[in-house]
Structure formats: C-alpha cells, structure tokens
Amino acid sequence: MGRLIRSEDEKEDMKMAYTNTQTVAGFQVGGWIGDVLAKWTVARERRAVYLQTLNELSAMSDRDLADINVARVSIEDIAHEAAYGK
C-alpha cells in the first residue's frame, strides 16, 4: 500500500475537535465551547510560528540578514506574514 502524501492545507483541514453538545435554553453549550477551543488552538499555533520566526531572524547577524535580503527593521513584518499571512 502506498503512502498518502498530503498538502499543508489538507493537514490543516484534518485537525478536528469532537465534543458532545448540550442544549440549555436553546443554546448549544458544547458547540460553543468546541468553537472557542478550536479558535484558541489555531491562534496559539500561529503565535508560536510568529515567535519562532521573530526569534530566528532576530538572532541573525546584520550580514546574514543582508545575505537573504532582509532589513532588520522588517523582521516583525516578515514574522507576522509567516504566521498570519498578508
């Protein structure tokens, strides 16, 4: 059996949370909590990418940054784009 190779988008789509829902006065408690936890997890993962990119670029010397055509003043913008997109 061959190995299935997935794109990053497909891997992101596969992350799911399953919860039991209870309705209280017409309000689905479990669904709301699941949504909040899913959004929090995505935000935490994006923040981790931002911080890792920021730390790695900040640790580079000015000469190394010049080699990859990055100005030190642009590091925060590059890290933000890496984590959150444009």
N, C-alpha and C. Protein backbone atom coordinates (compact mmCIF):
# COMPACT_ATOMS: atom_id res chain seq x y z
N MET A 1 0.85 -1.17 0.00
CA MET A 1 0.00 0.00 0.00
C MET A 1 0.90 1.23 0.00
N GLY A 2 0.65 2.18 -0.89
CA GLY A 2 1.44 3.39 -0.99
C GLY A 2 1.15 4.36 0.13
N ARG A 3 2.09 5.21 0.40
CA ARG A 3 1.94 6.21 1.45
C ARG A 3 1.22 7.42 0.87
N LEU A 4 0.25 7.92 1.59
CA LEU A 4 -0.52 9.08 1.15
C LEU A 4 0.20 10.35 1.58
N ILE A 5 0.47 11.21 0.62
CA ILE A 5 1.14 12.48 0.92
C ILE A 5 0.08 13.57 0.84
N ARG A 6 0.01 14.36 1.90
CA ARG A 6 -1.00 15.41 1.96
C ARG A 6 -0.33 16.78 1.93
N SER A 7 -1.05 17.75 1.37
CA SER A 7 -0.57 19.12 1.38
C SER A 7 -0.81 19.71 2.76
N GLU A 8 -0.19 20.84 3.04
CA GLU A 8 -0.36 21.51 4.34
C GLU A 8 -1.82 21.91 4.55
N ASP A 9 -2.52 22.34 3.48
CA ASP A 9 -3.93 22.71 3.61
C ASP A 9 -4.77 21.51 4.02
N GLU A 10 -4.49 20.35 3.43
CA GLU A 10 -5.23 19.14 3.77
C GLU A 10 -4.95 18.73 5.21
N LYS A 11 -3.71 18.87 5.65
CA LYS A 11 -3.37 18.54 7.03
C LYS A 11 -4.11 19.47 7.99
N GLU A 12 -4.19 20.76 7.65
CA GLU A 12 -4.90 21.73 8.50
C GLU A 12 -6.38 21.39 8.57
N ASP A 13 -6.96 20.97 7.44
CA ASP A 13 -8.38 20.62 7.42
C ASP A 13 -8.66 19.38 8.26
N MET A 14 -7.67 18.51 8.44
CA MET A 14 -7.87 17.27 9.18
C MET A 14 -7.91 17.48 10.69
N LYS A 15 -7.44 18.63 11.17
CA LYS A 15 -7.47 18.89 12.60
C LYS A 15 -8.91 19.17 13.01
N MET A 16 -9.44 18.31 13.83
CA MET A 16 -10.83 18.46 14.24
C MET A 16 -10.94 18.20 15.73
N ALA A 17 -11.95 18.78 16.31
CA ALA A 17 -12.26 18.51 17.71
C ALA A 17 -13.68 17.97 17.76
N TYR A 18 -13.87 16.93 18.54
CA TYR A 18 -15.18 16.34 18.70
C TYR A 18 -15.67 16.62 20.12
N THR A 19 -16.89 17.11 20.21
CA THR A 19 -17.46 17.40 21.52
C THR A 19 -18.89 16.92 21.56
N ASN A 20 -19.37 16.66 22.76
CA ASN A 20 -20.78 16.38 22.96
C ASN A 20 -21.46 17.72 23.22
N THR A 21 -22.61 17.90 22.64
CA THR A 21 -23.30 19.17 22.83
C THR A 21 -24.52 18.99 23.71
N GLN A 22 -24.76 19.98 24.53
CA GLN A 22 -25.95 20.03 25.36
C GLN A 22 -26.65 21.35 25.08
N THR A 23 -27.96 21.29 25.01
CA THR A 23 -28.73 22.50 24.76
C THR A 23 -29.33 22.99 26.07
N VAL A 24 -29.04 24.23 26.39
CA VAL A 24 -29.58 24.87 27.59
C VAL A 24 -30.29 26.12 27.13
N ALA A 25 -31.60 26.16 27.29
CA ALA A 25 -32.41 27.31 26.87
C ALA A 25 -32.15 27.65 25.40
N GLY A 26 -32.05 26.60 24.57
CA GLY A 26 -31.86 26.81 23.13
C GLY A 26 -30.44 27.16 22.74
N PHE A 27 -29.49 27.05 23.66
CA PHE A 27 -28.10 27.42 23.41
C PHE A 27 -27.25 26.16 23.48
N GLN A 28 -26.50 25.86 22.41
CA GLN A 28 -25.66 24.66 22.38
C GLN A 28 -24.34 24.95 23.08
N VAL A 29 -24.22 24.48 24.31
CA VAL A 29 -23.05 24.76 25.14
C VAL A 29 -21.80 24.10 24.56
N GLY A 30 -21.88 22.80 24.27
CA GLY A 30 -20.72 22.08 23.77
C GLY A 30 -20.21 22.62 22.46
N GLY A 31 -21.11 22.98 21.57
CA GLY A 31 -20.71 23.53 20.28
C GLY A 31 -19.95 24.83 20.43
N TRP A 32 -20.42 25.67 21.33
CA TRP A 32 -19.77 26.96 21.57
C TRP A 32 -18.39 26.76 22.17
N ILE A 33 -18.29 25.87 23.15
CA ILE A 33 -17.00 25.62 23.79
C ILE A 33 -16.02 25.01 22.79
N GLY A 34 -16.50 24.09 21.96
CA GLY A 34 -15.64 23.50 20.94
C GLY A 34 -15.12 24.53 19.96
N ASP A 35 -15.99 25.46 19.56
CA ASP A 35 -15.56 26.53 18.65
C ASP A 35 -14.50 27.41 19.29
N VAL A 36 -14.71 27.76 20.54
CA VAL A 36 -13.75 28.61 21.25
C VAL A 36 -12.40 27.90 21.38
N LEU A 37 -12.43 26.63 21.76
CA LEU A 37 -11.18 25.88 21.89
C LEU A 37 -10.46 25.71 20.56
N ALA A 38 -11.21 25.48 19.50
CA ALA A 38 -10.59 25.34 18.17
C ALA A 38 -9.94 26.65 17.75
N LYS A 39 -10.63 27.76 17.96
CA LYS A 39 -10.06 29.07 17.60
C LYS A 39 -8.85 29.38 18.45
N TRP A 40 -8.89 29.03 19.73
CA TRP A 40 -7.77 29.28 20.63
C TRP A 40 -6.56 28.47 20.19
N THR A 41 -6.78 27.22 19.79
CA THR A 41 -5.69 26.35 19.35
C THR A 41 -5.03 26.91 18.09
N VAL A 42 -5.82 27.35 17.14
CA VAL A 42 -5.28 27.94 15.91
C VAL A 42 -4.49 29.20 16.23
N ALA A 43 -5.03 30.06 17.10
CA ALA A 43 -4.35 31.29 17.47
C ALA A 43 -3.03 30.99 18.17
N ARG A 44 -3.02 29.98 19.04
CA ARG A 44 -1.80 29.60 19.75
C ARG A 44 -0.74 29.08 18.79
N GLU A 45 -1.16 28.27 17.80
CA GLU A 45 -0.21 27.74 16.81
C GLU A 45 0.37 28.86 15.94
N ARG A 46 -0.47 29.79 15.55
CA ARG A 46 0.01 30.92 14.75
C ARG A 46 0.97 31.79 15.54
N ARG A 47 0.65 32.01 16.81
CA ARG A 47 1.53 32.81 17.67
C ARG A 47 2.88 32.12 17.82
N ALA A 48 2.89 30.81 17.92
CA ALA A 48 4.15 30.07 18.02
C ALA A 48 5.00 30.24 16.76
N VAL A 49 4.36 30.21 15.59
CA VAL A 49 5.08 30.43 14.32
C VAL A 49 5.64 31.85 14.30
N TYR A 50 4.84 32.82 14.72
CA TYR A 50 5.29 34.21 14.76
C TYR A 50 6.53 34.35 15.65
N LEU A 51 6.45 33.82 16.87
CA LEU A 51 7.57 33.97 17.81
C LEU A 51 8.82 33.23 17.34
N GLN A 52 8.65 32.04 16.76
CA GLN A 52 9.81 31.30 16.27
C GLN A 52 10.49 32.06 15.14
N THR A 53 9.71 32.57 14.19
CA THR A 53 10.27 33.32 13.07
C THR A 53 10.95 34.58 13.57
N LEU A 54 10.29 35.29 14.47
CA LEU A 54 10.85 36.52 15.03
C LEU A 54 12.17 36.23 15.74
N ASN A 55 12.22 35.21 16.56
CA ASN A 55 13.43 34.88 17.31
C ASN A 55 14.57 34.44 16.39
N GLU A 56 14.24 33.62 15.39
CA GLU A 56 15.29 33.15 14.49
C GLU A 56 15.87 34.28 13.65
N LEU A 57 15.03 35.16 13.13
CA LEU A 57 15.55 36.28 12.33
C LEU A 57 16.27 37.29 13.21
N SER A 58 15.77 37.52 14.41
CA SER A 58 16.42 38.48 15.32
C SER A 58 17.80 38.00 15.74
N ALA A 59 18.00 36.70 15.81
CA ALA A 59 19.28 36.14 16.23
C ALA A 59 20.34 36.23 15.13
N MET A 60 19.91 36.47 13.91
CA MET A 60 20.85 36.53 12.79
C MET A 60 21.64 37.83 12.82
N SER A 61 22.87 37.78 12.33
CA SER A 61 23.70 38.98 12.25
C SER A 61 23.20 39.86 11.09
N ASP A 62 23.61 41.11 11.11
CA ASP A 62 23.23 42.02 10.02
C ASP A 62 23.74 41.51 8.68
N ARG A 63 24.91 40.90 8.69
CA ARG A 63 25.47 40.36 7.44
C ARG A 63 24.63 39.19 6.92
N ASP A 64 24.21 38.29 7.83
CA ASP A 64 23.36 37.17 7.42
C ASP A 64 22.02 37.67 6.88
N LEU A 65 21.45 38.66 7.55
CA LEU A 65 20.19 39.24 7.07
C LEU A 65 20.37 39.87 5.69
N ALA A 66 21.50 40.55 5.49
CA ALA A 66 21.77 41.16 4.18
C ALA A 66 21.90 40.09 3.10
N ASP A 67 22.46 38.94 3.47
CA ASP A 67 22.61 37.84 2.50
C ASP A 67 21.25 37.33 2.01
N ILE A 68 20.24 37.37 2.86
CA ILE A 68 18.91 36.91 2.45
C ILE A 68 18.00 38.10 2.10
N ASN A 69 18.60 39.27 2.00
CA ASN A 69 17.91 40.49 1.56
C ASN A 69 16.76 40.88 2.51
N VAL A 70 17.07 40.86 3.81
CA VAL A 70 16.09 41.24 4.83
C VAL A 70 16.69 42.35 5.68
N ALA A 71 15.97 43.45 5.78
CA ALA A 71 16.39 44.53 6.66
C ALA A 71 15.91 44.23 8.07
N ARG A 72 16.73 44.56 9.06
CA ARG A 72 16.38 44.27 10.45
C ARG A 72 15.04 44.91 10.82
N VAL A 73 14.75 46.06 10.26
CA VAL A 73 13.50 46.76 10.57
C VAL A 73 12.28 46.00 10.05
N SER A 74 12.46 45.07 9.13
CA SER A 74 11.36 44.32 8.53
C SER A 74 11.07 42.99 9.23
N ILE A 75 11.85 42.65 10.24
CA ILE A 75 11.73 41.33 10.87
C ILE A 75 10.33 41.10 11.42
N GLU A 76 9.77 42.06 12.14
CA GLU A 76 8.43 41.87 12.71
C GLU A 76 7.37 41.67 11.62
N ASP A 77 7.49 42.44 10.53
CA ASP A 77 6.53 42.28 9.43
C ASP A 77 6.65 40.90 8.78
N ILE A 78 7.86 40.43 8.61
CA ILE A 78 8.09 39.12 8.00
C ILE A 78 7.53 38.01 8.90
N ALA A 79 7.77 38.13 10.20
CA ALA A 79 7.26 37.13 11.15
C ALA A 79 5.74 37.14 11.16
N HIS A 80 5.16 38.32 11.12
CA HIS A 80 3.68 38.42 11.09
C HIS A 80 3.11 37.78 9.84
N GLU A 81 3.74 38.03 8.70
CA GLU A 81 3.28 37.45 7.45
C GLU A 81 3.43 35.93 7.45
N ALA A 82 4.52 35.43 8.04
CA ALA A 82 4.74 33.99 8.11
C ALA A 82 3.64 33.31 8.93
N ALA A 83 3.19 33.96 9.98
CA ALA A 83 2.20 33.35 10.88
C ALA A 83 0.76 33.59 10.44
N TYR A 84 0.47 34.78 9.99
CA TYR A 84 -0.92 35.18 9.75
C TYR A 84 -1.24 35.45 8.29
N GLY A 85 -0.23 35.45 7.43
CA GLY A 85 -0.45 35.78 6.02
C GLY A 85 -0.52 37.29 5.84
N LYS A 86 -0.73 37.70 4.61
CA LYS A 86 -0.78 39.15 4.34
C LYS A 86 -2.09 39.74 4.73
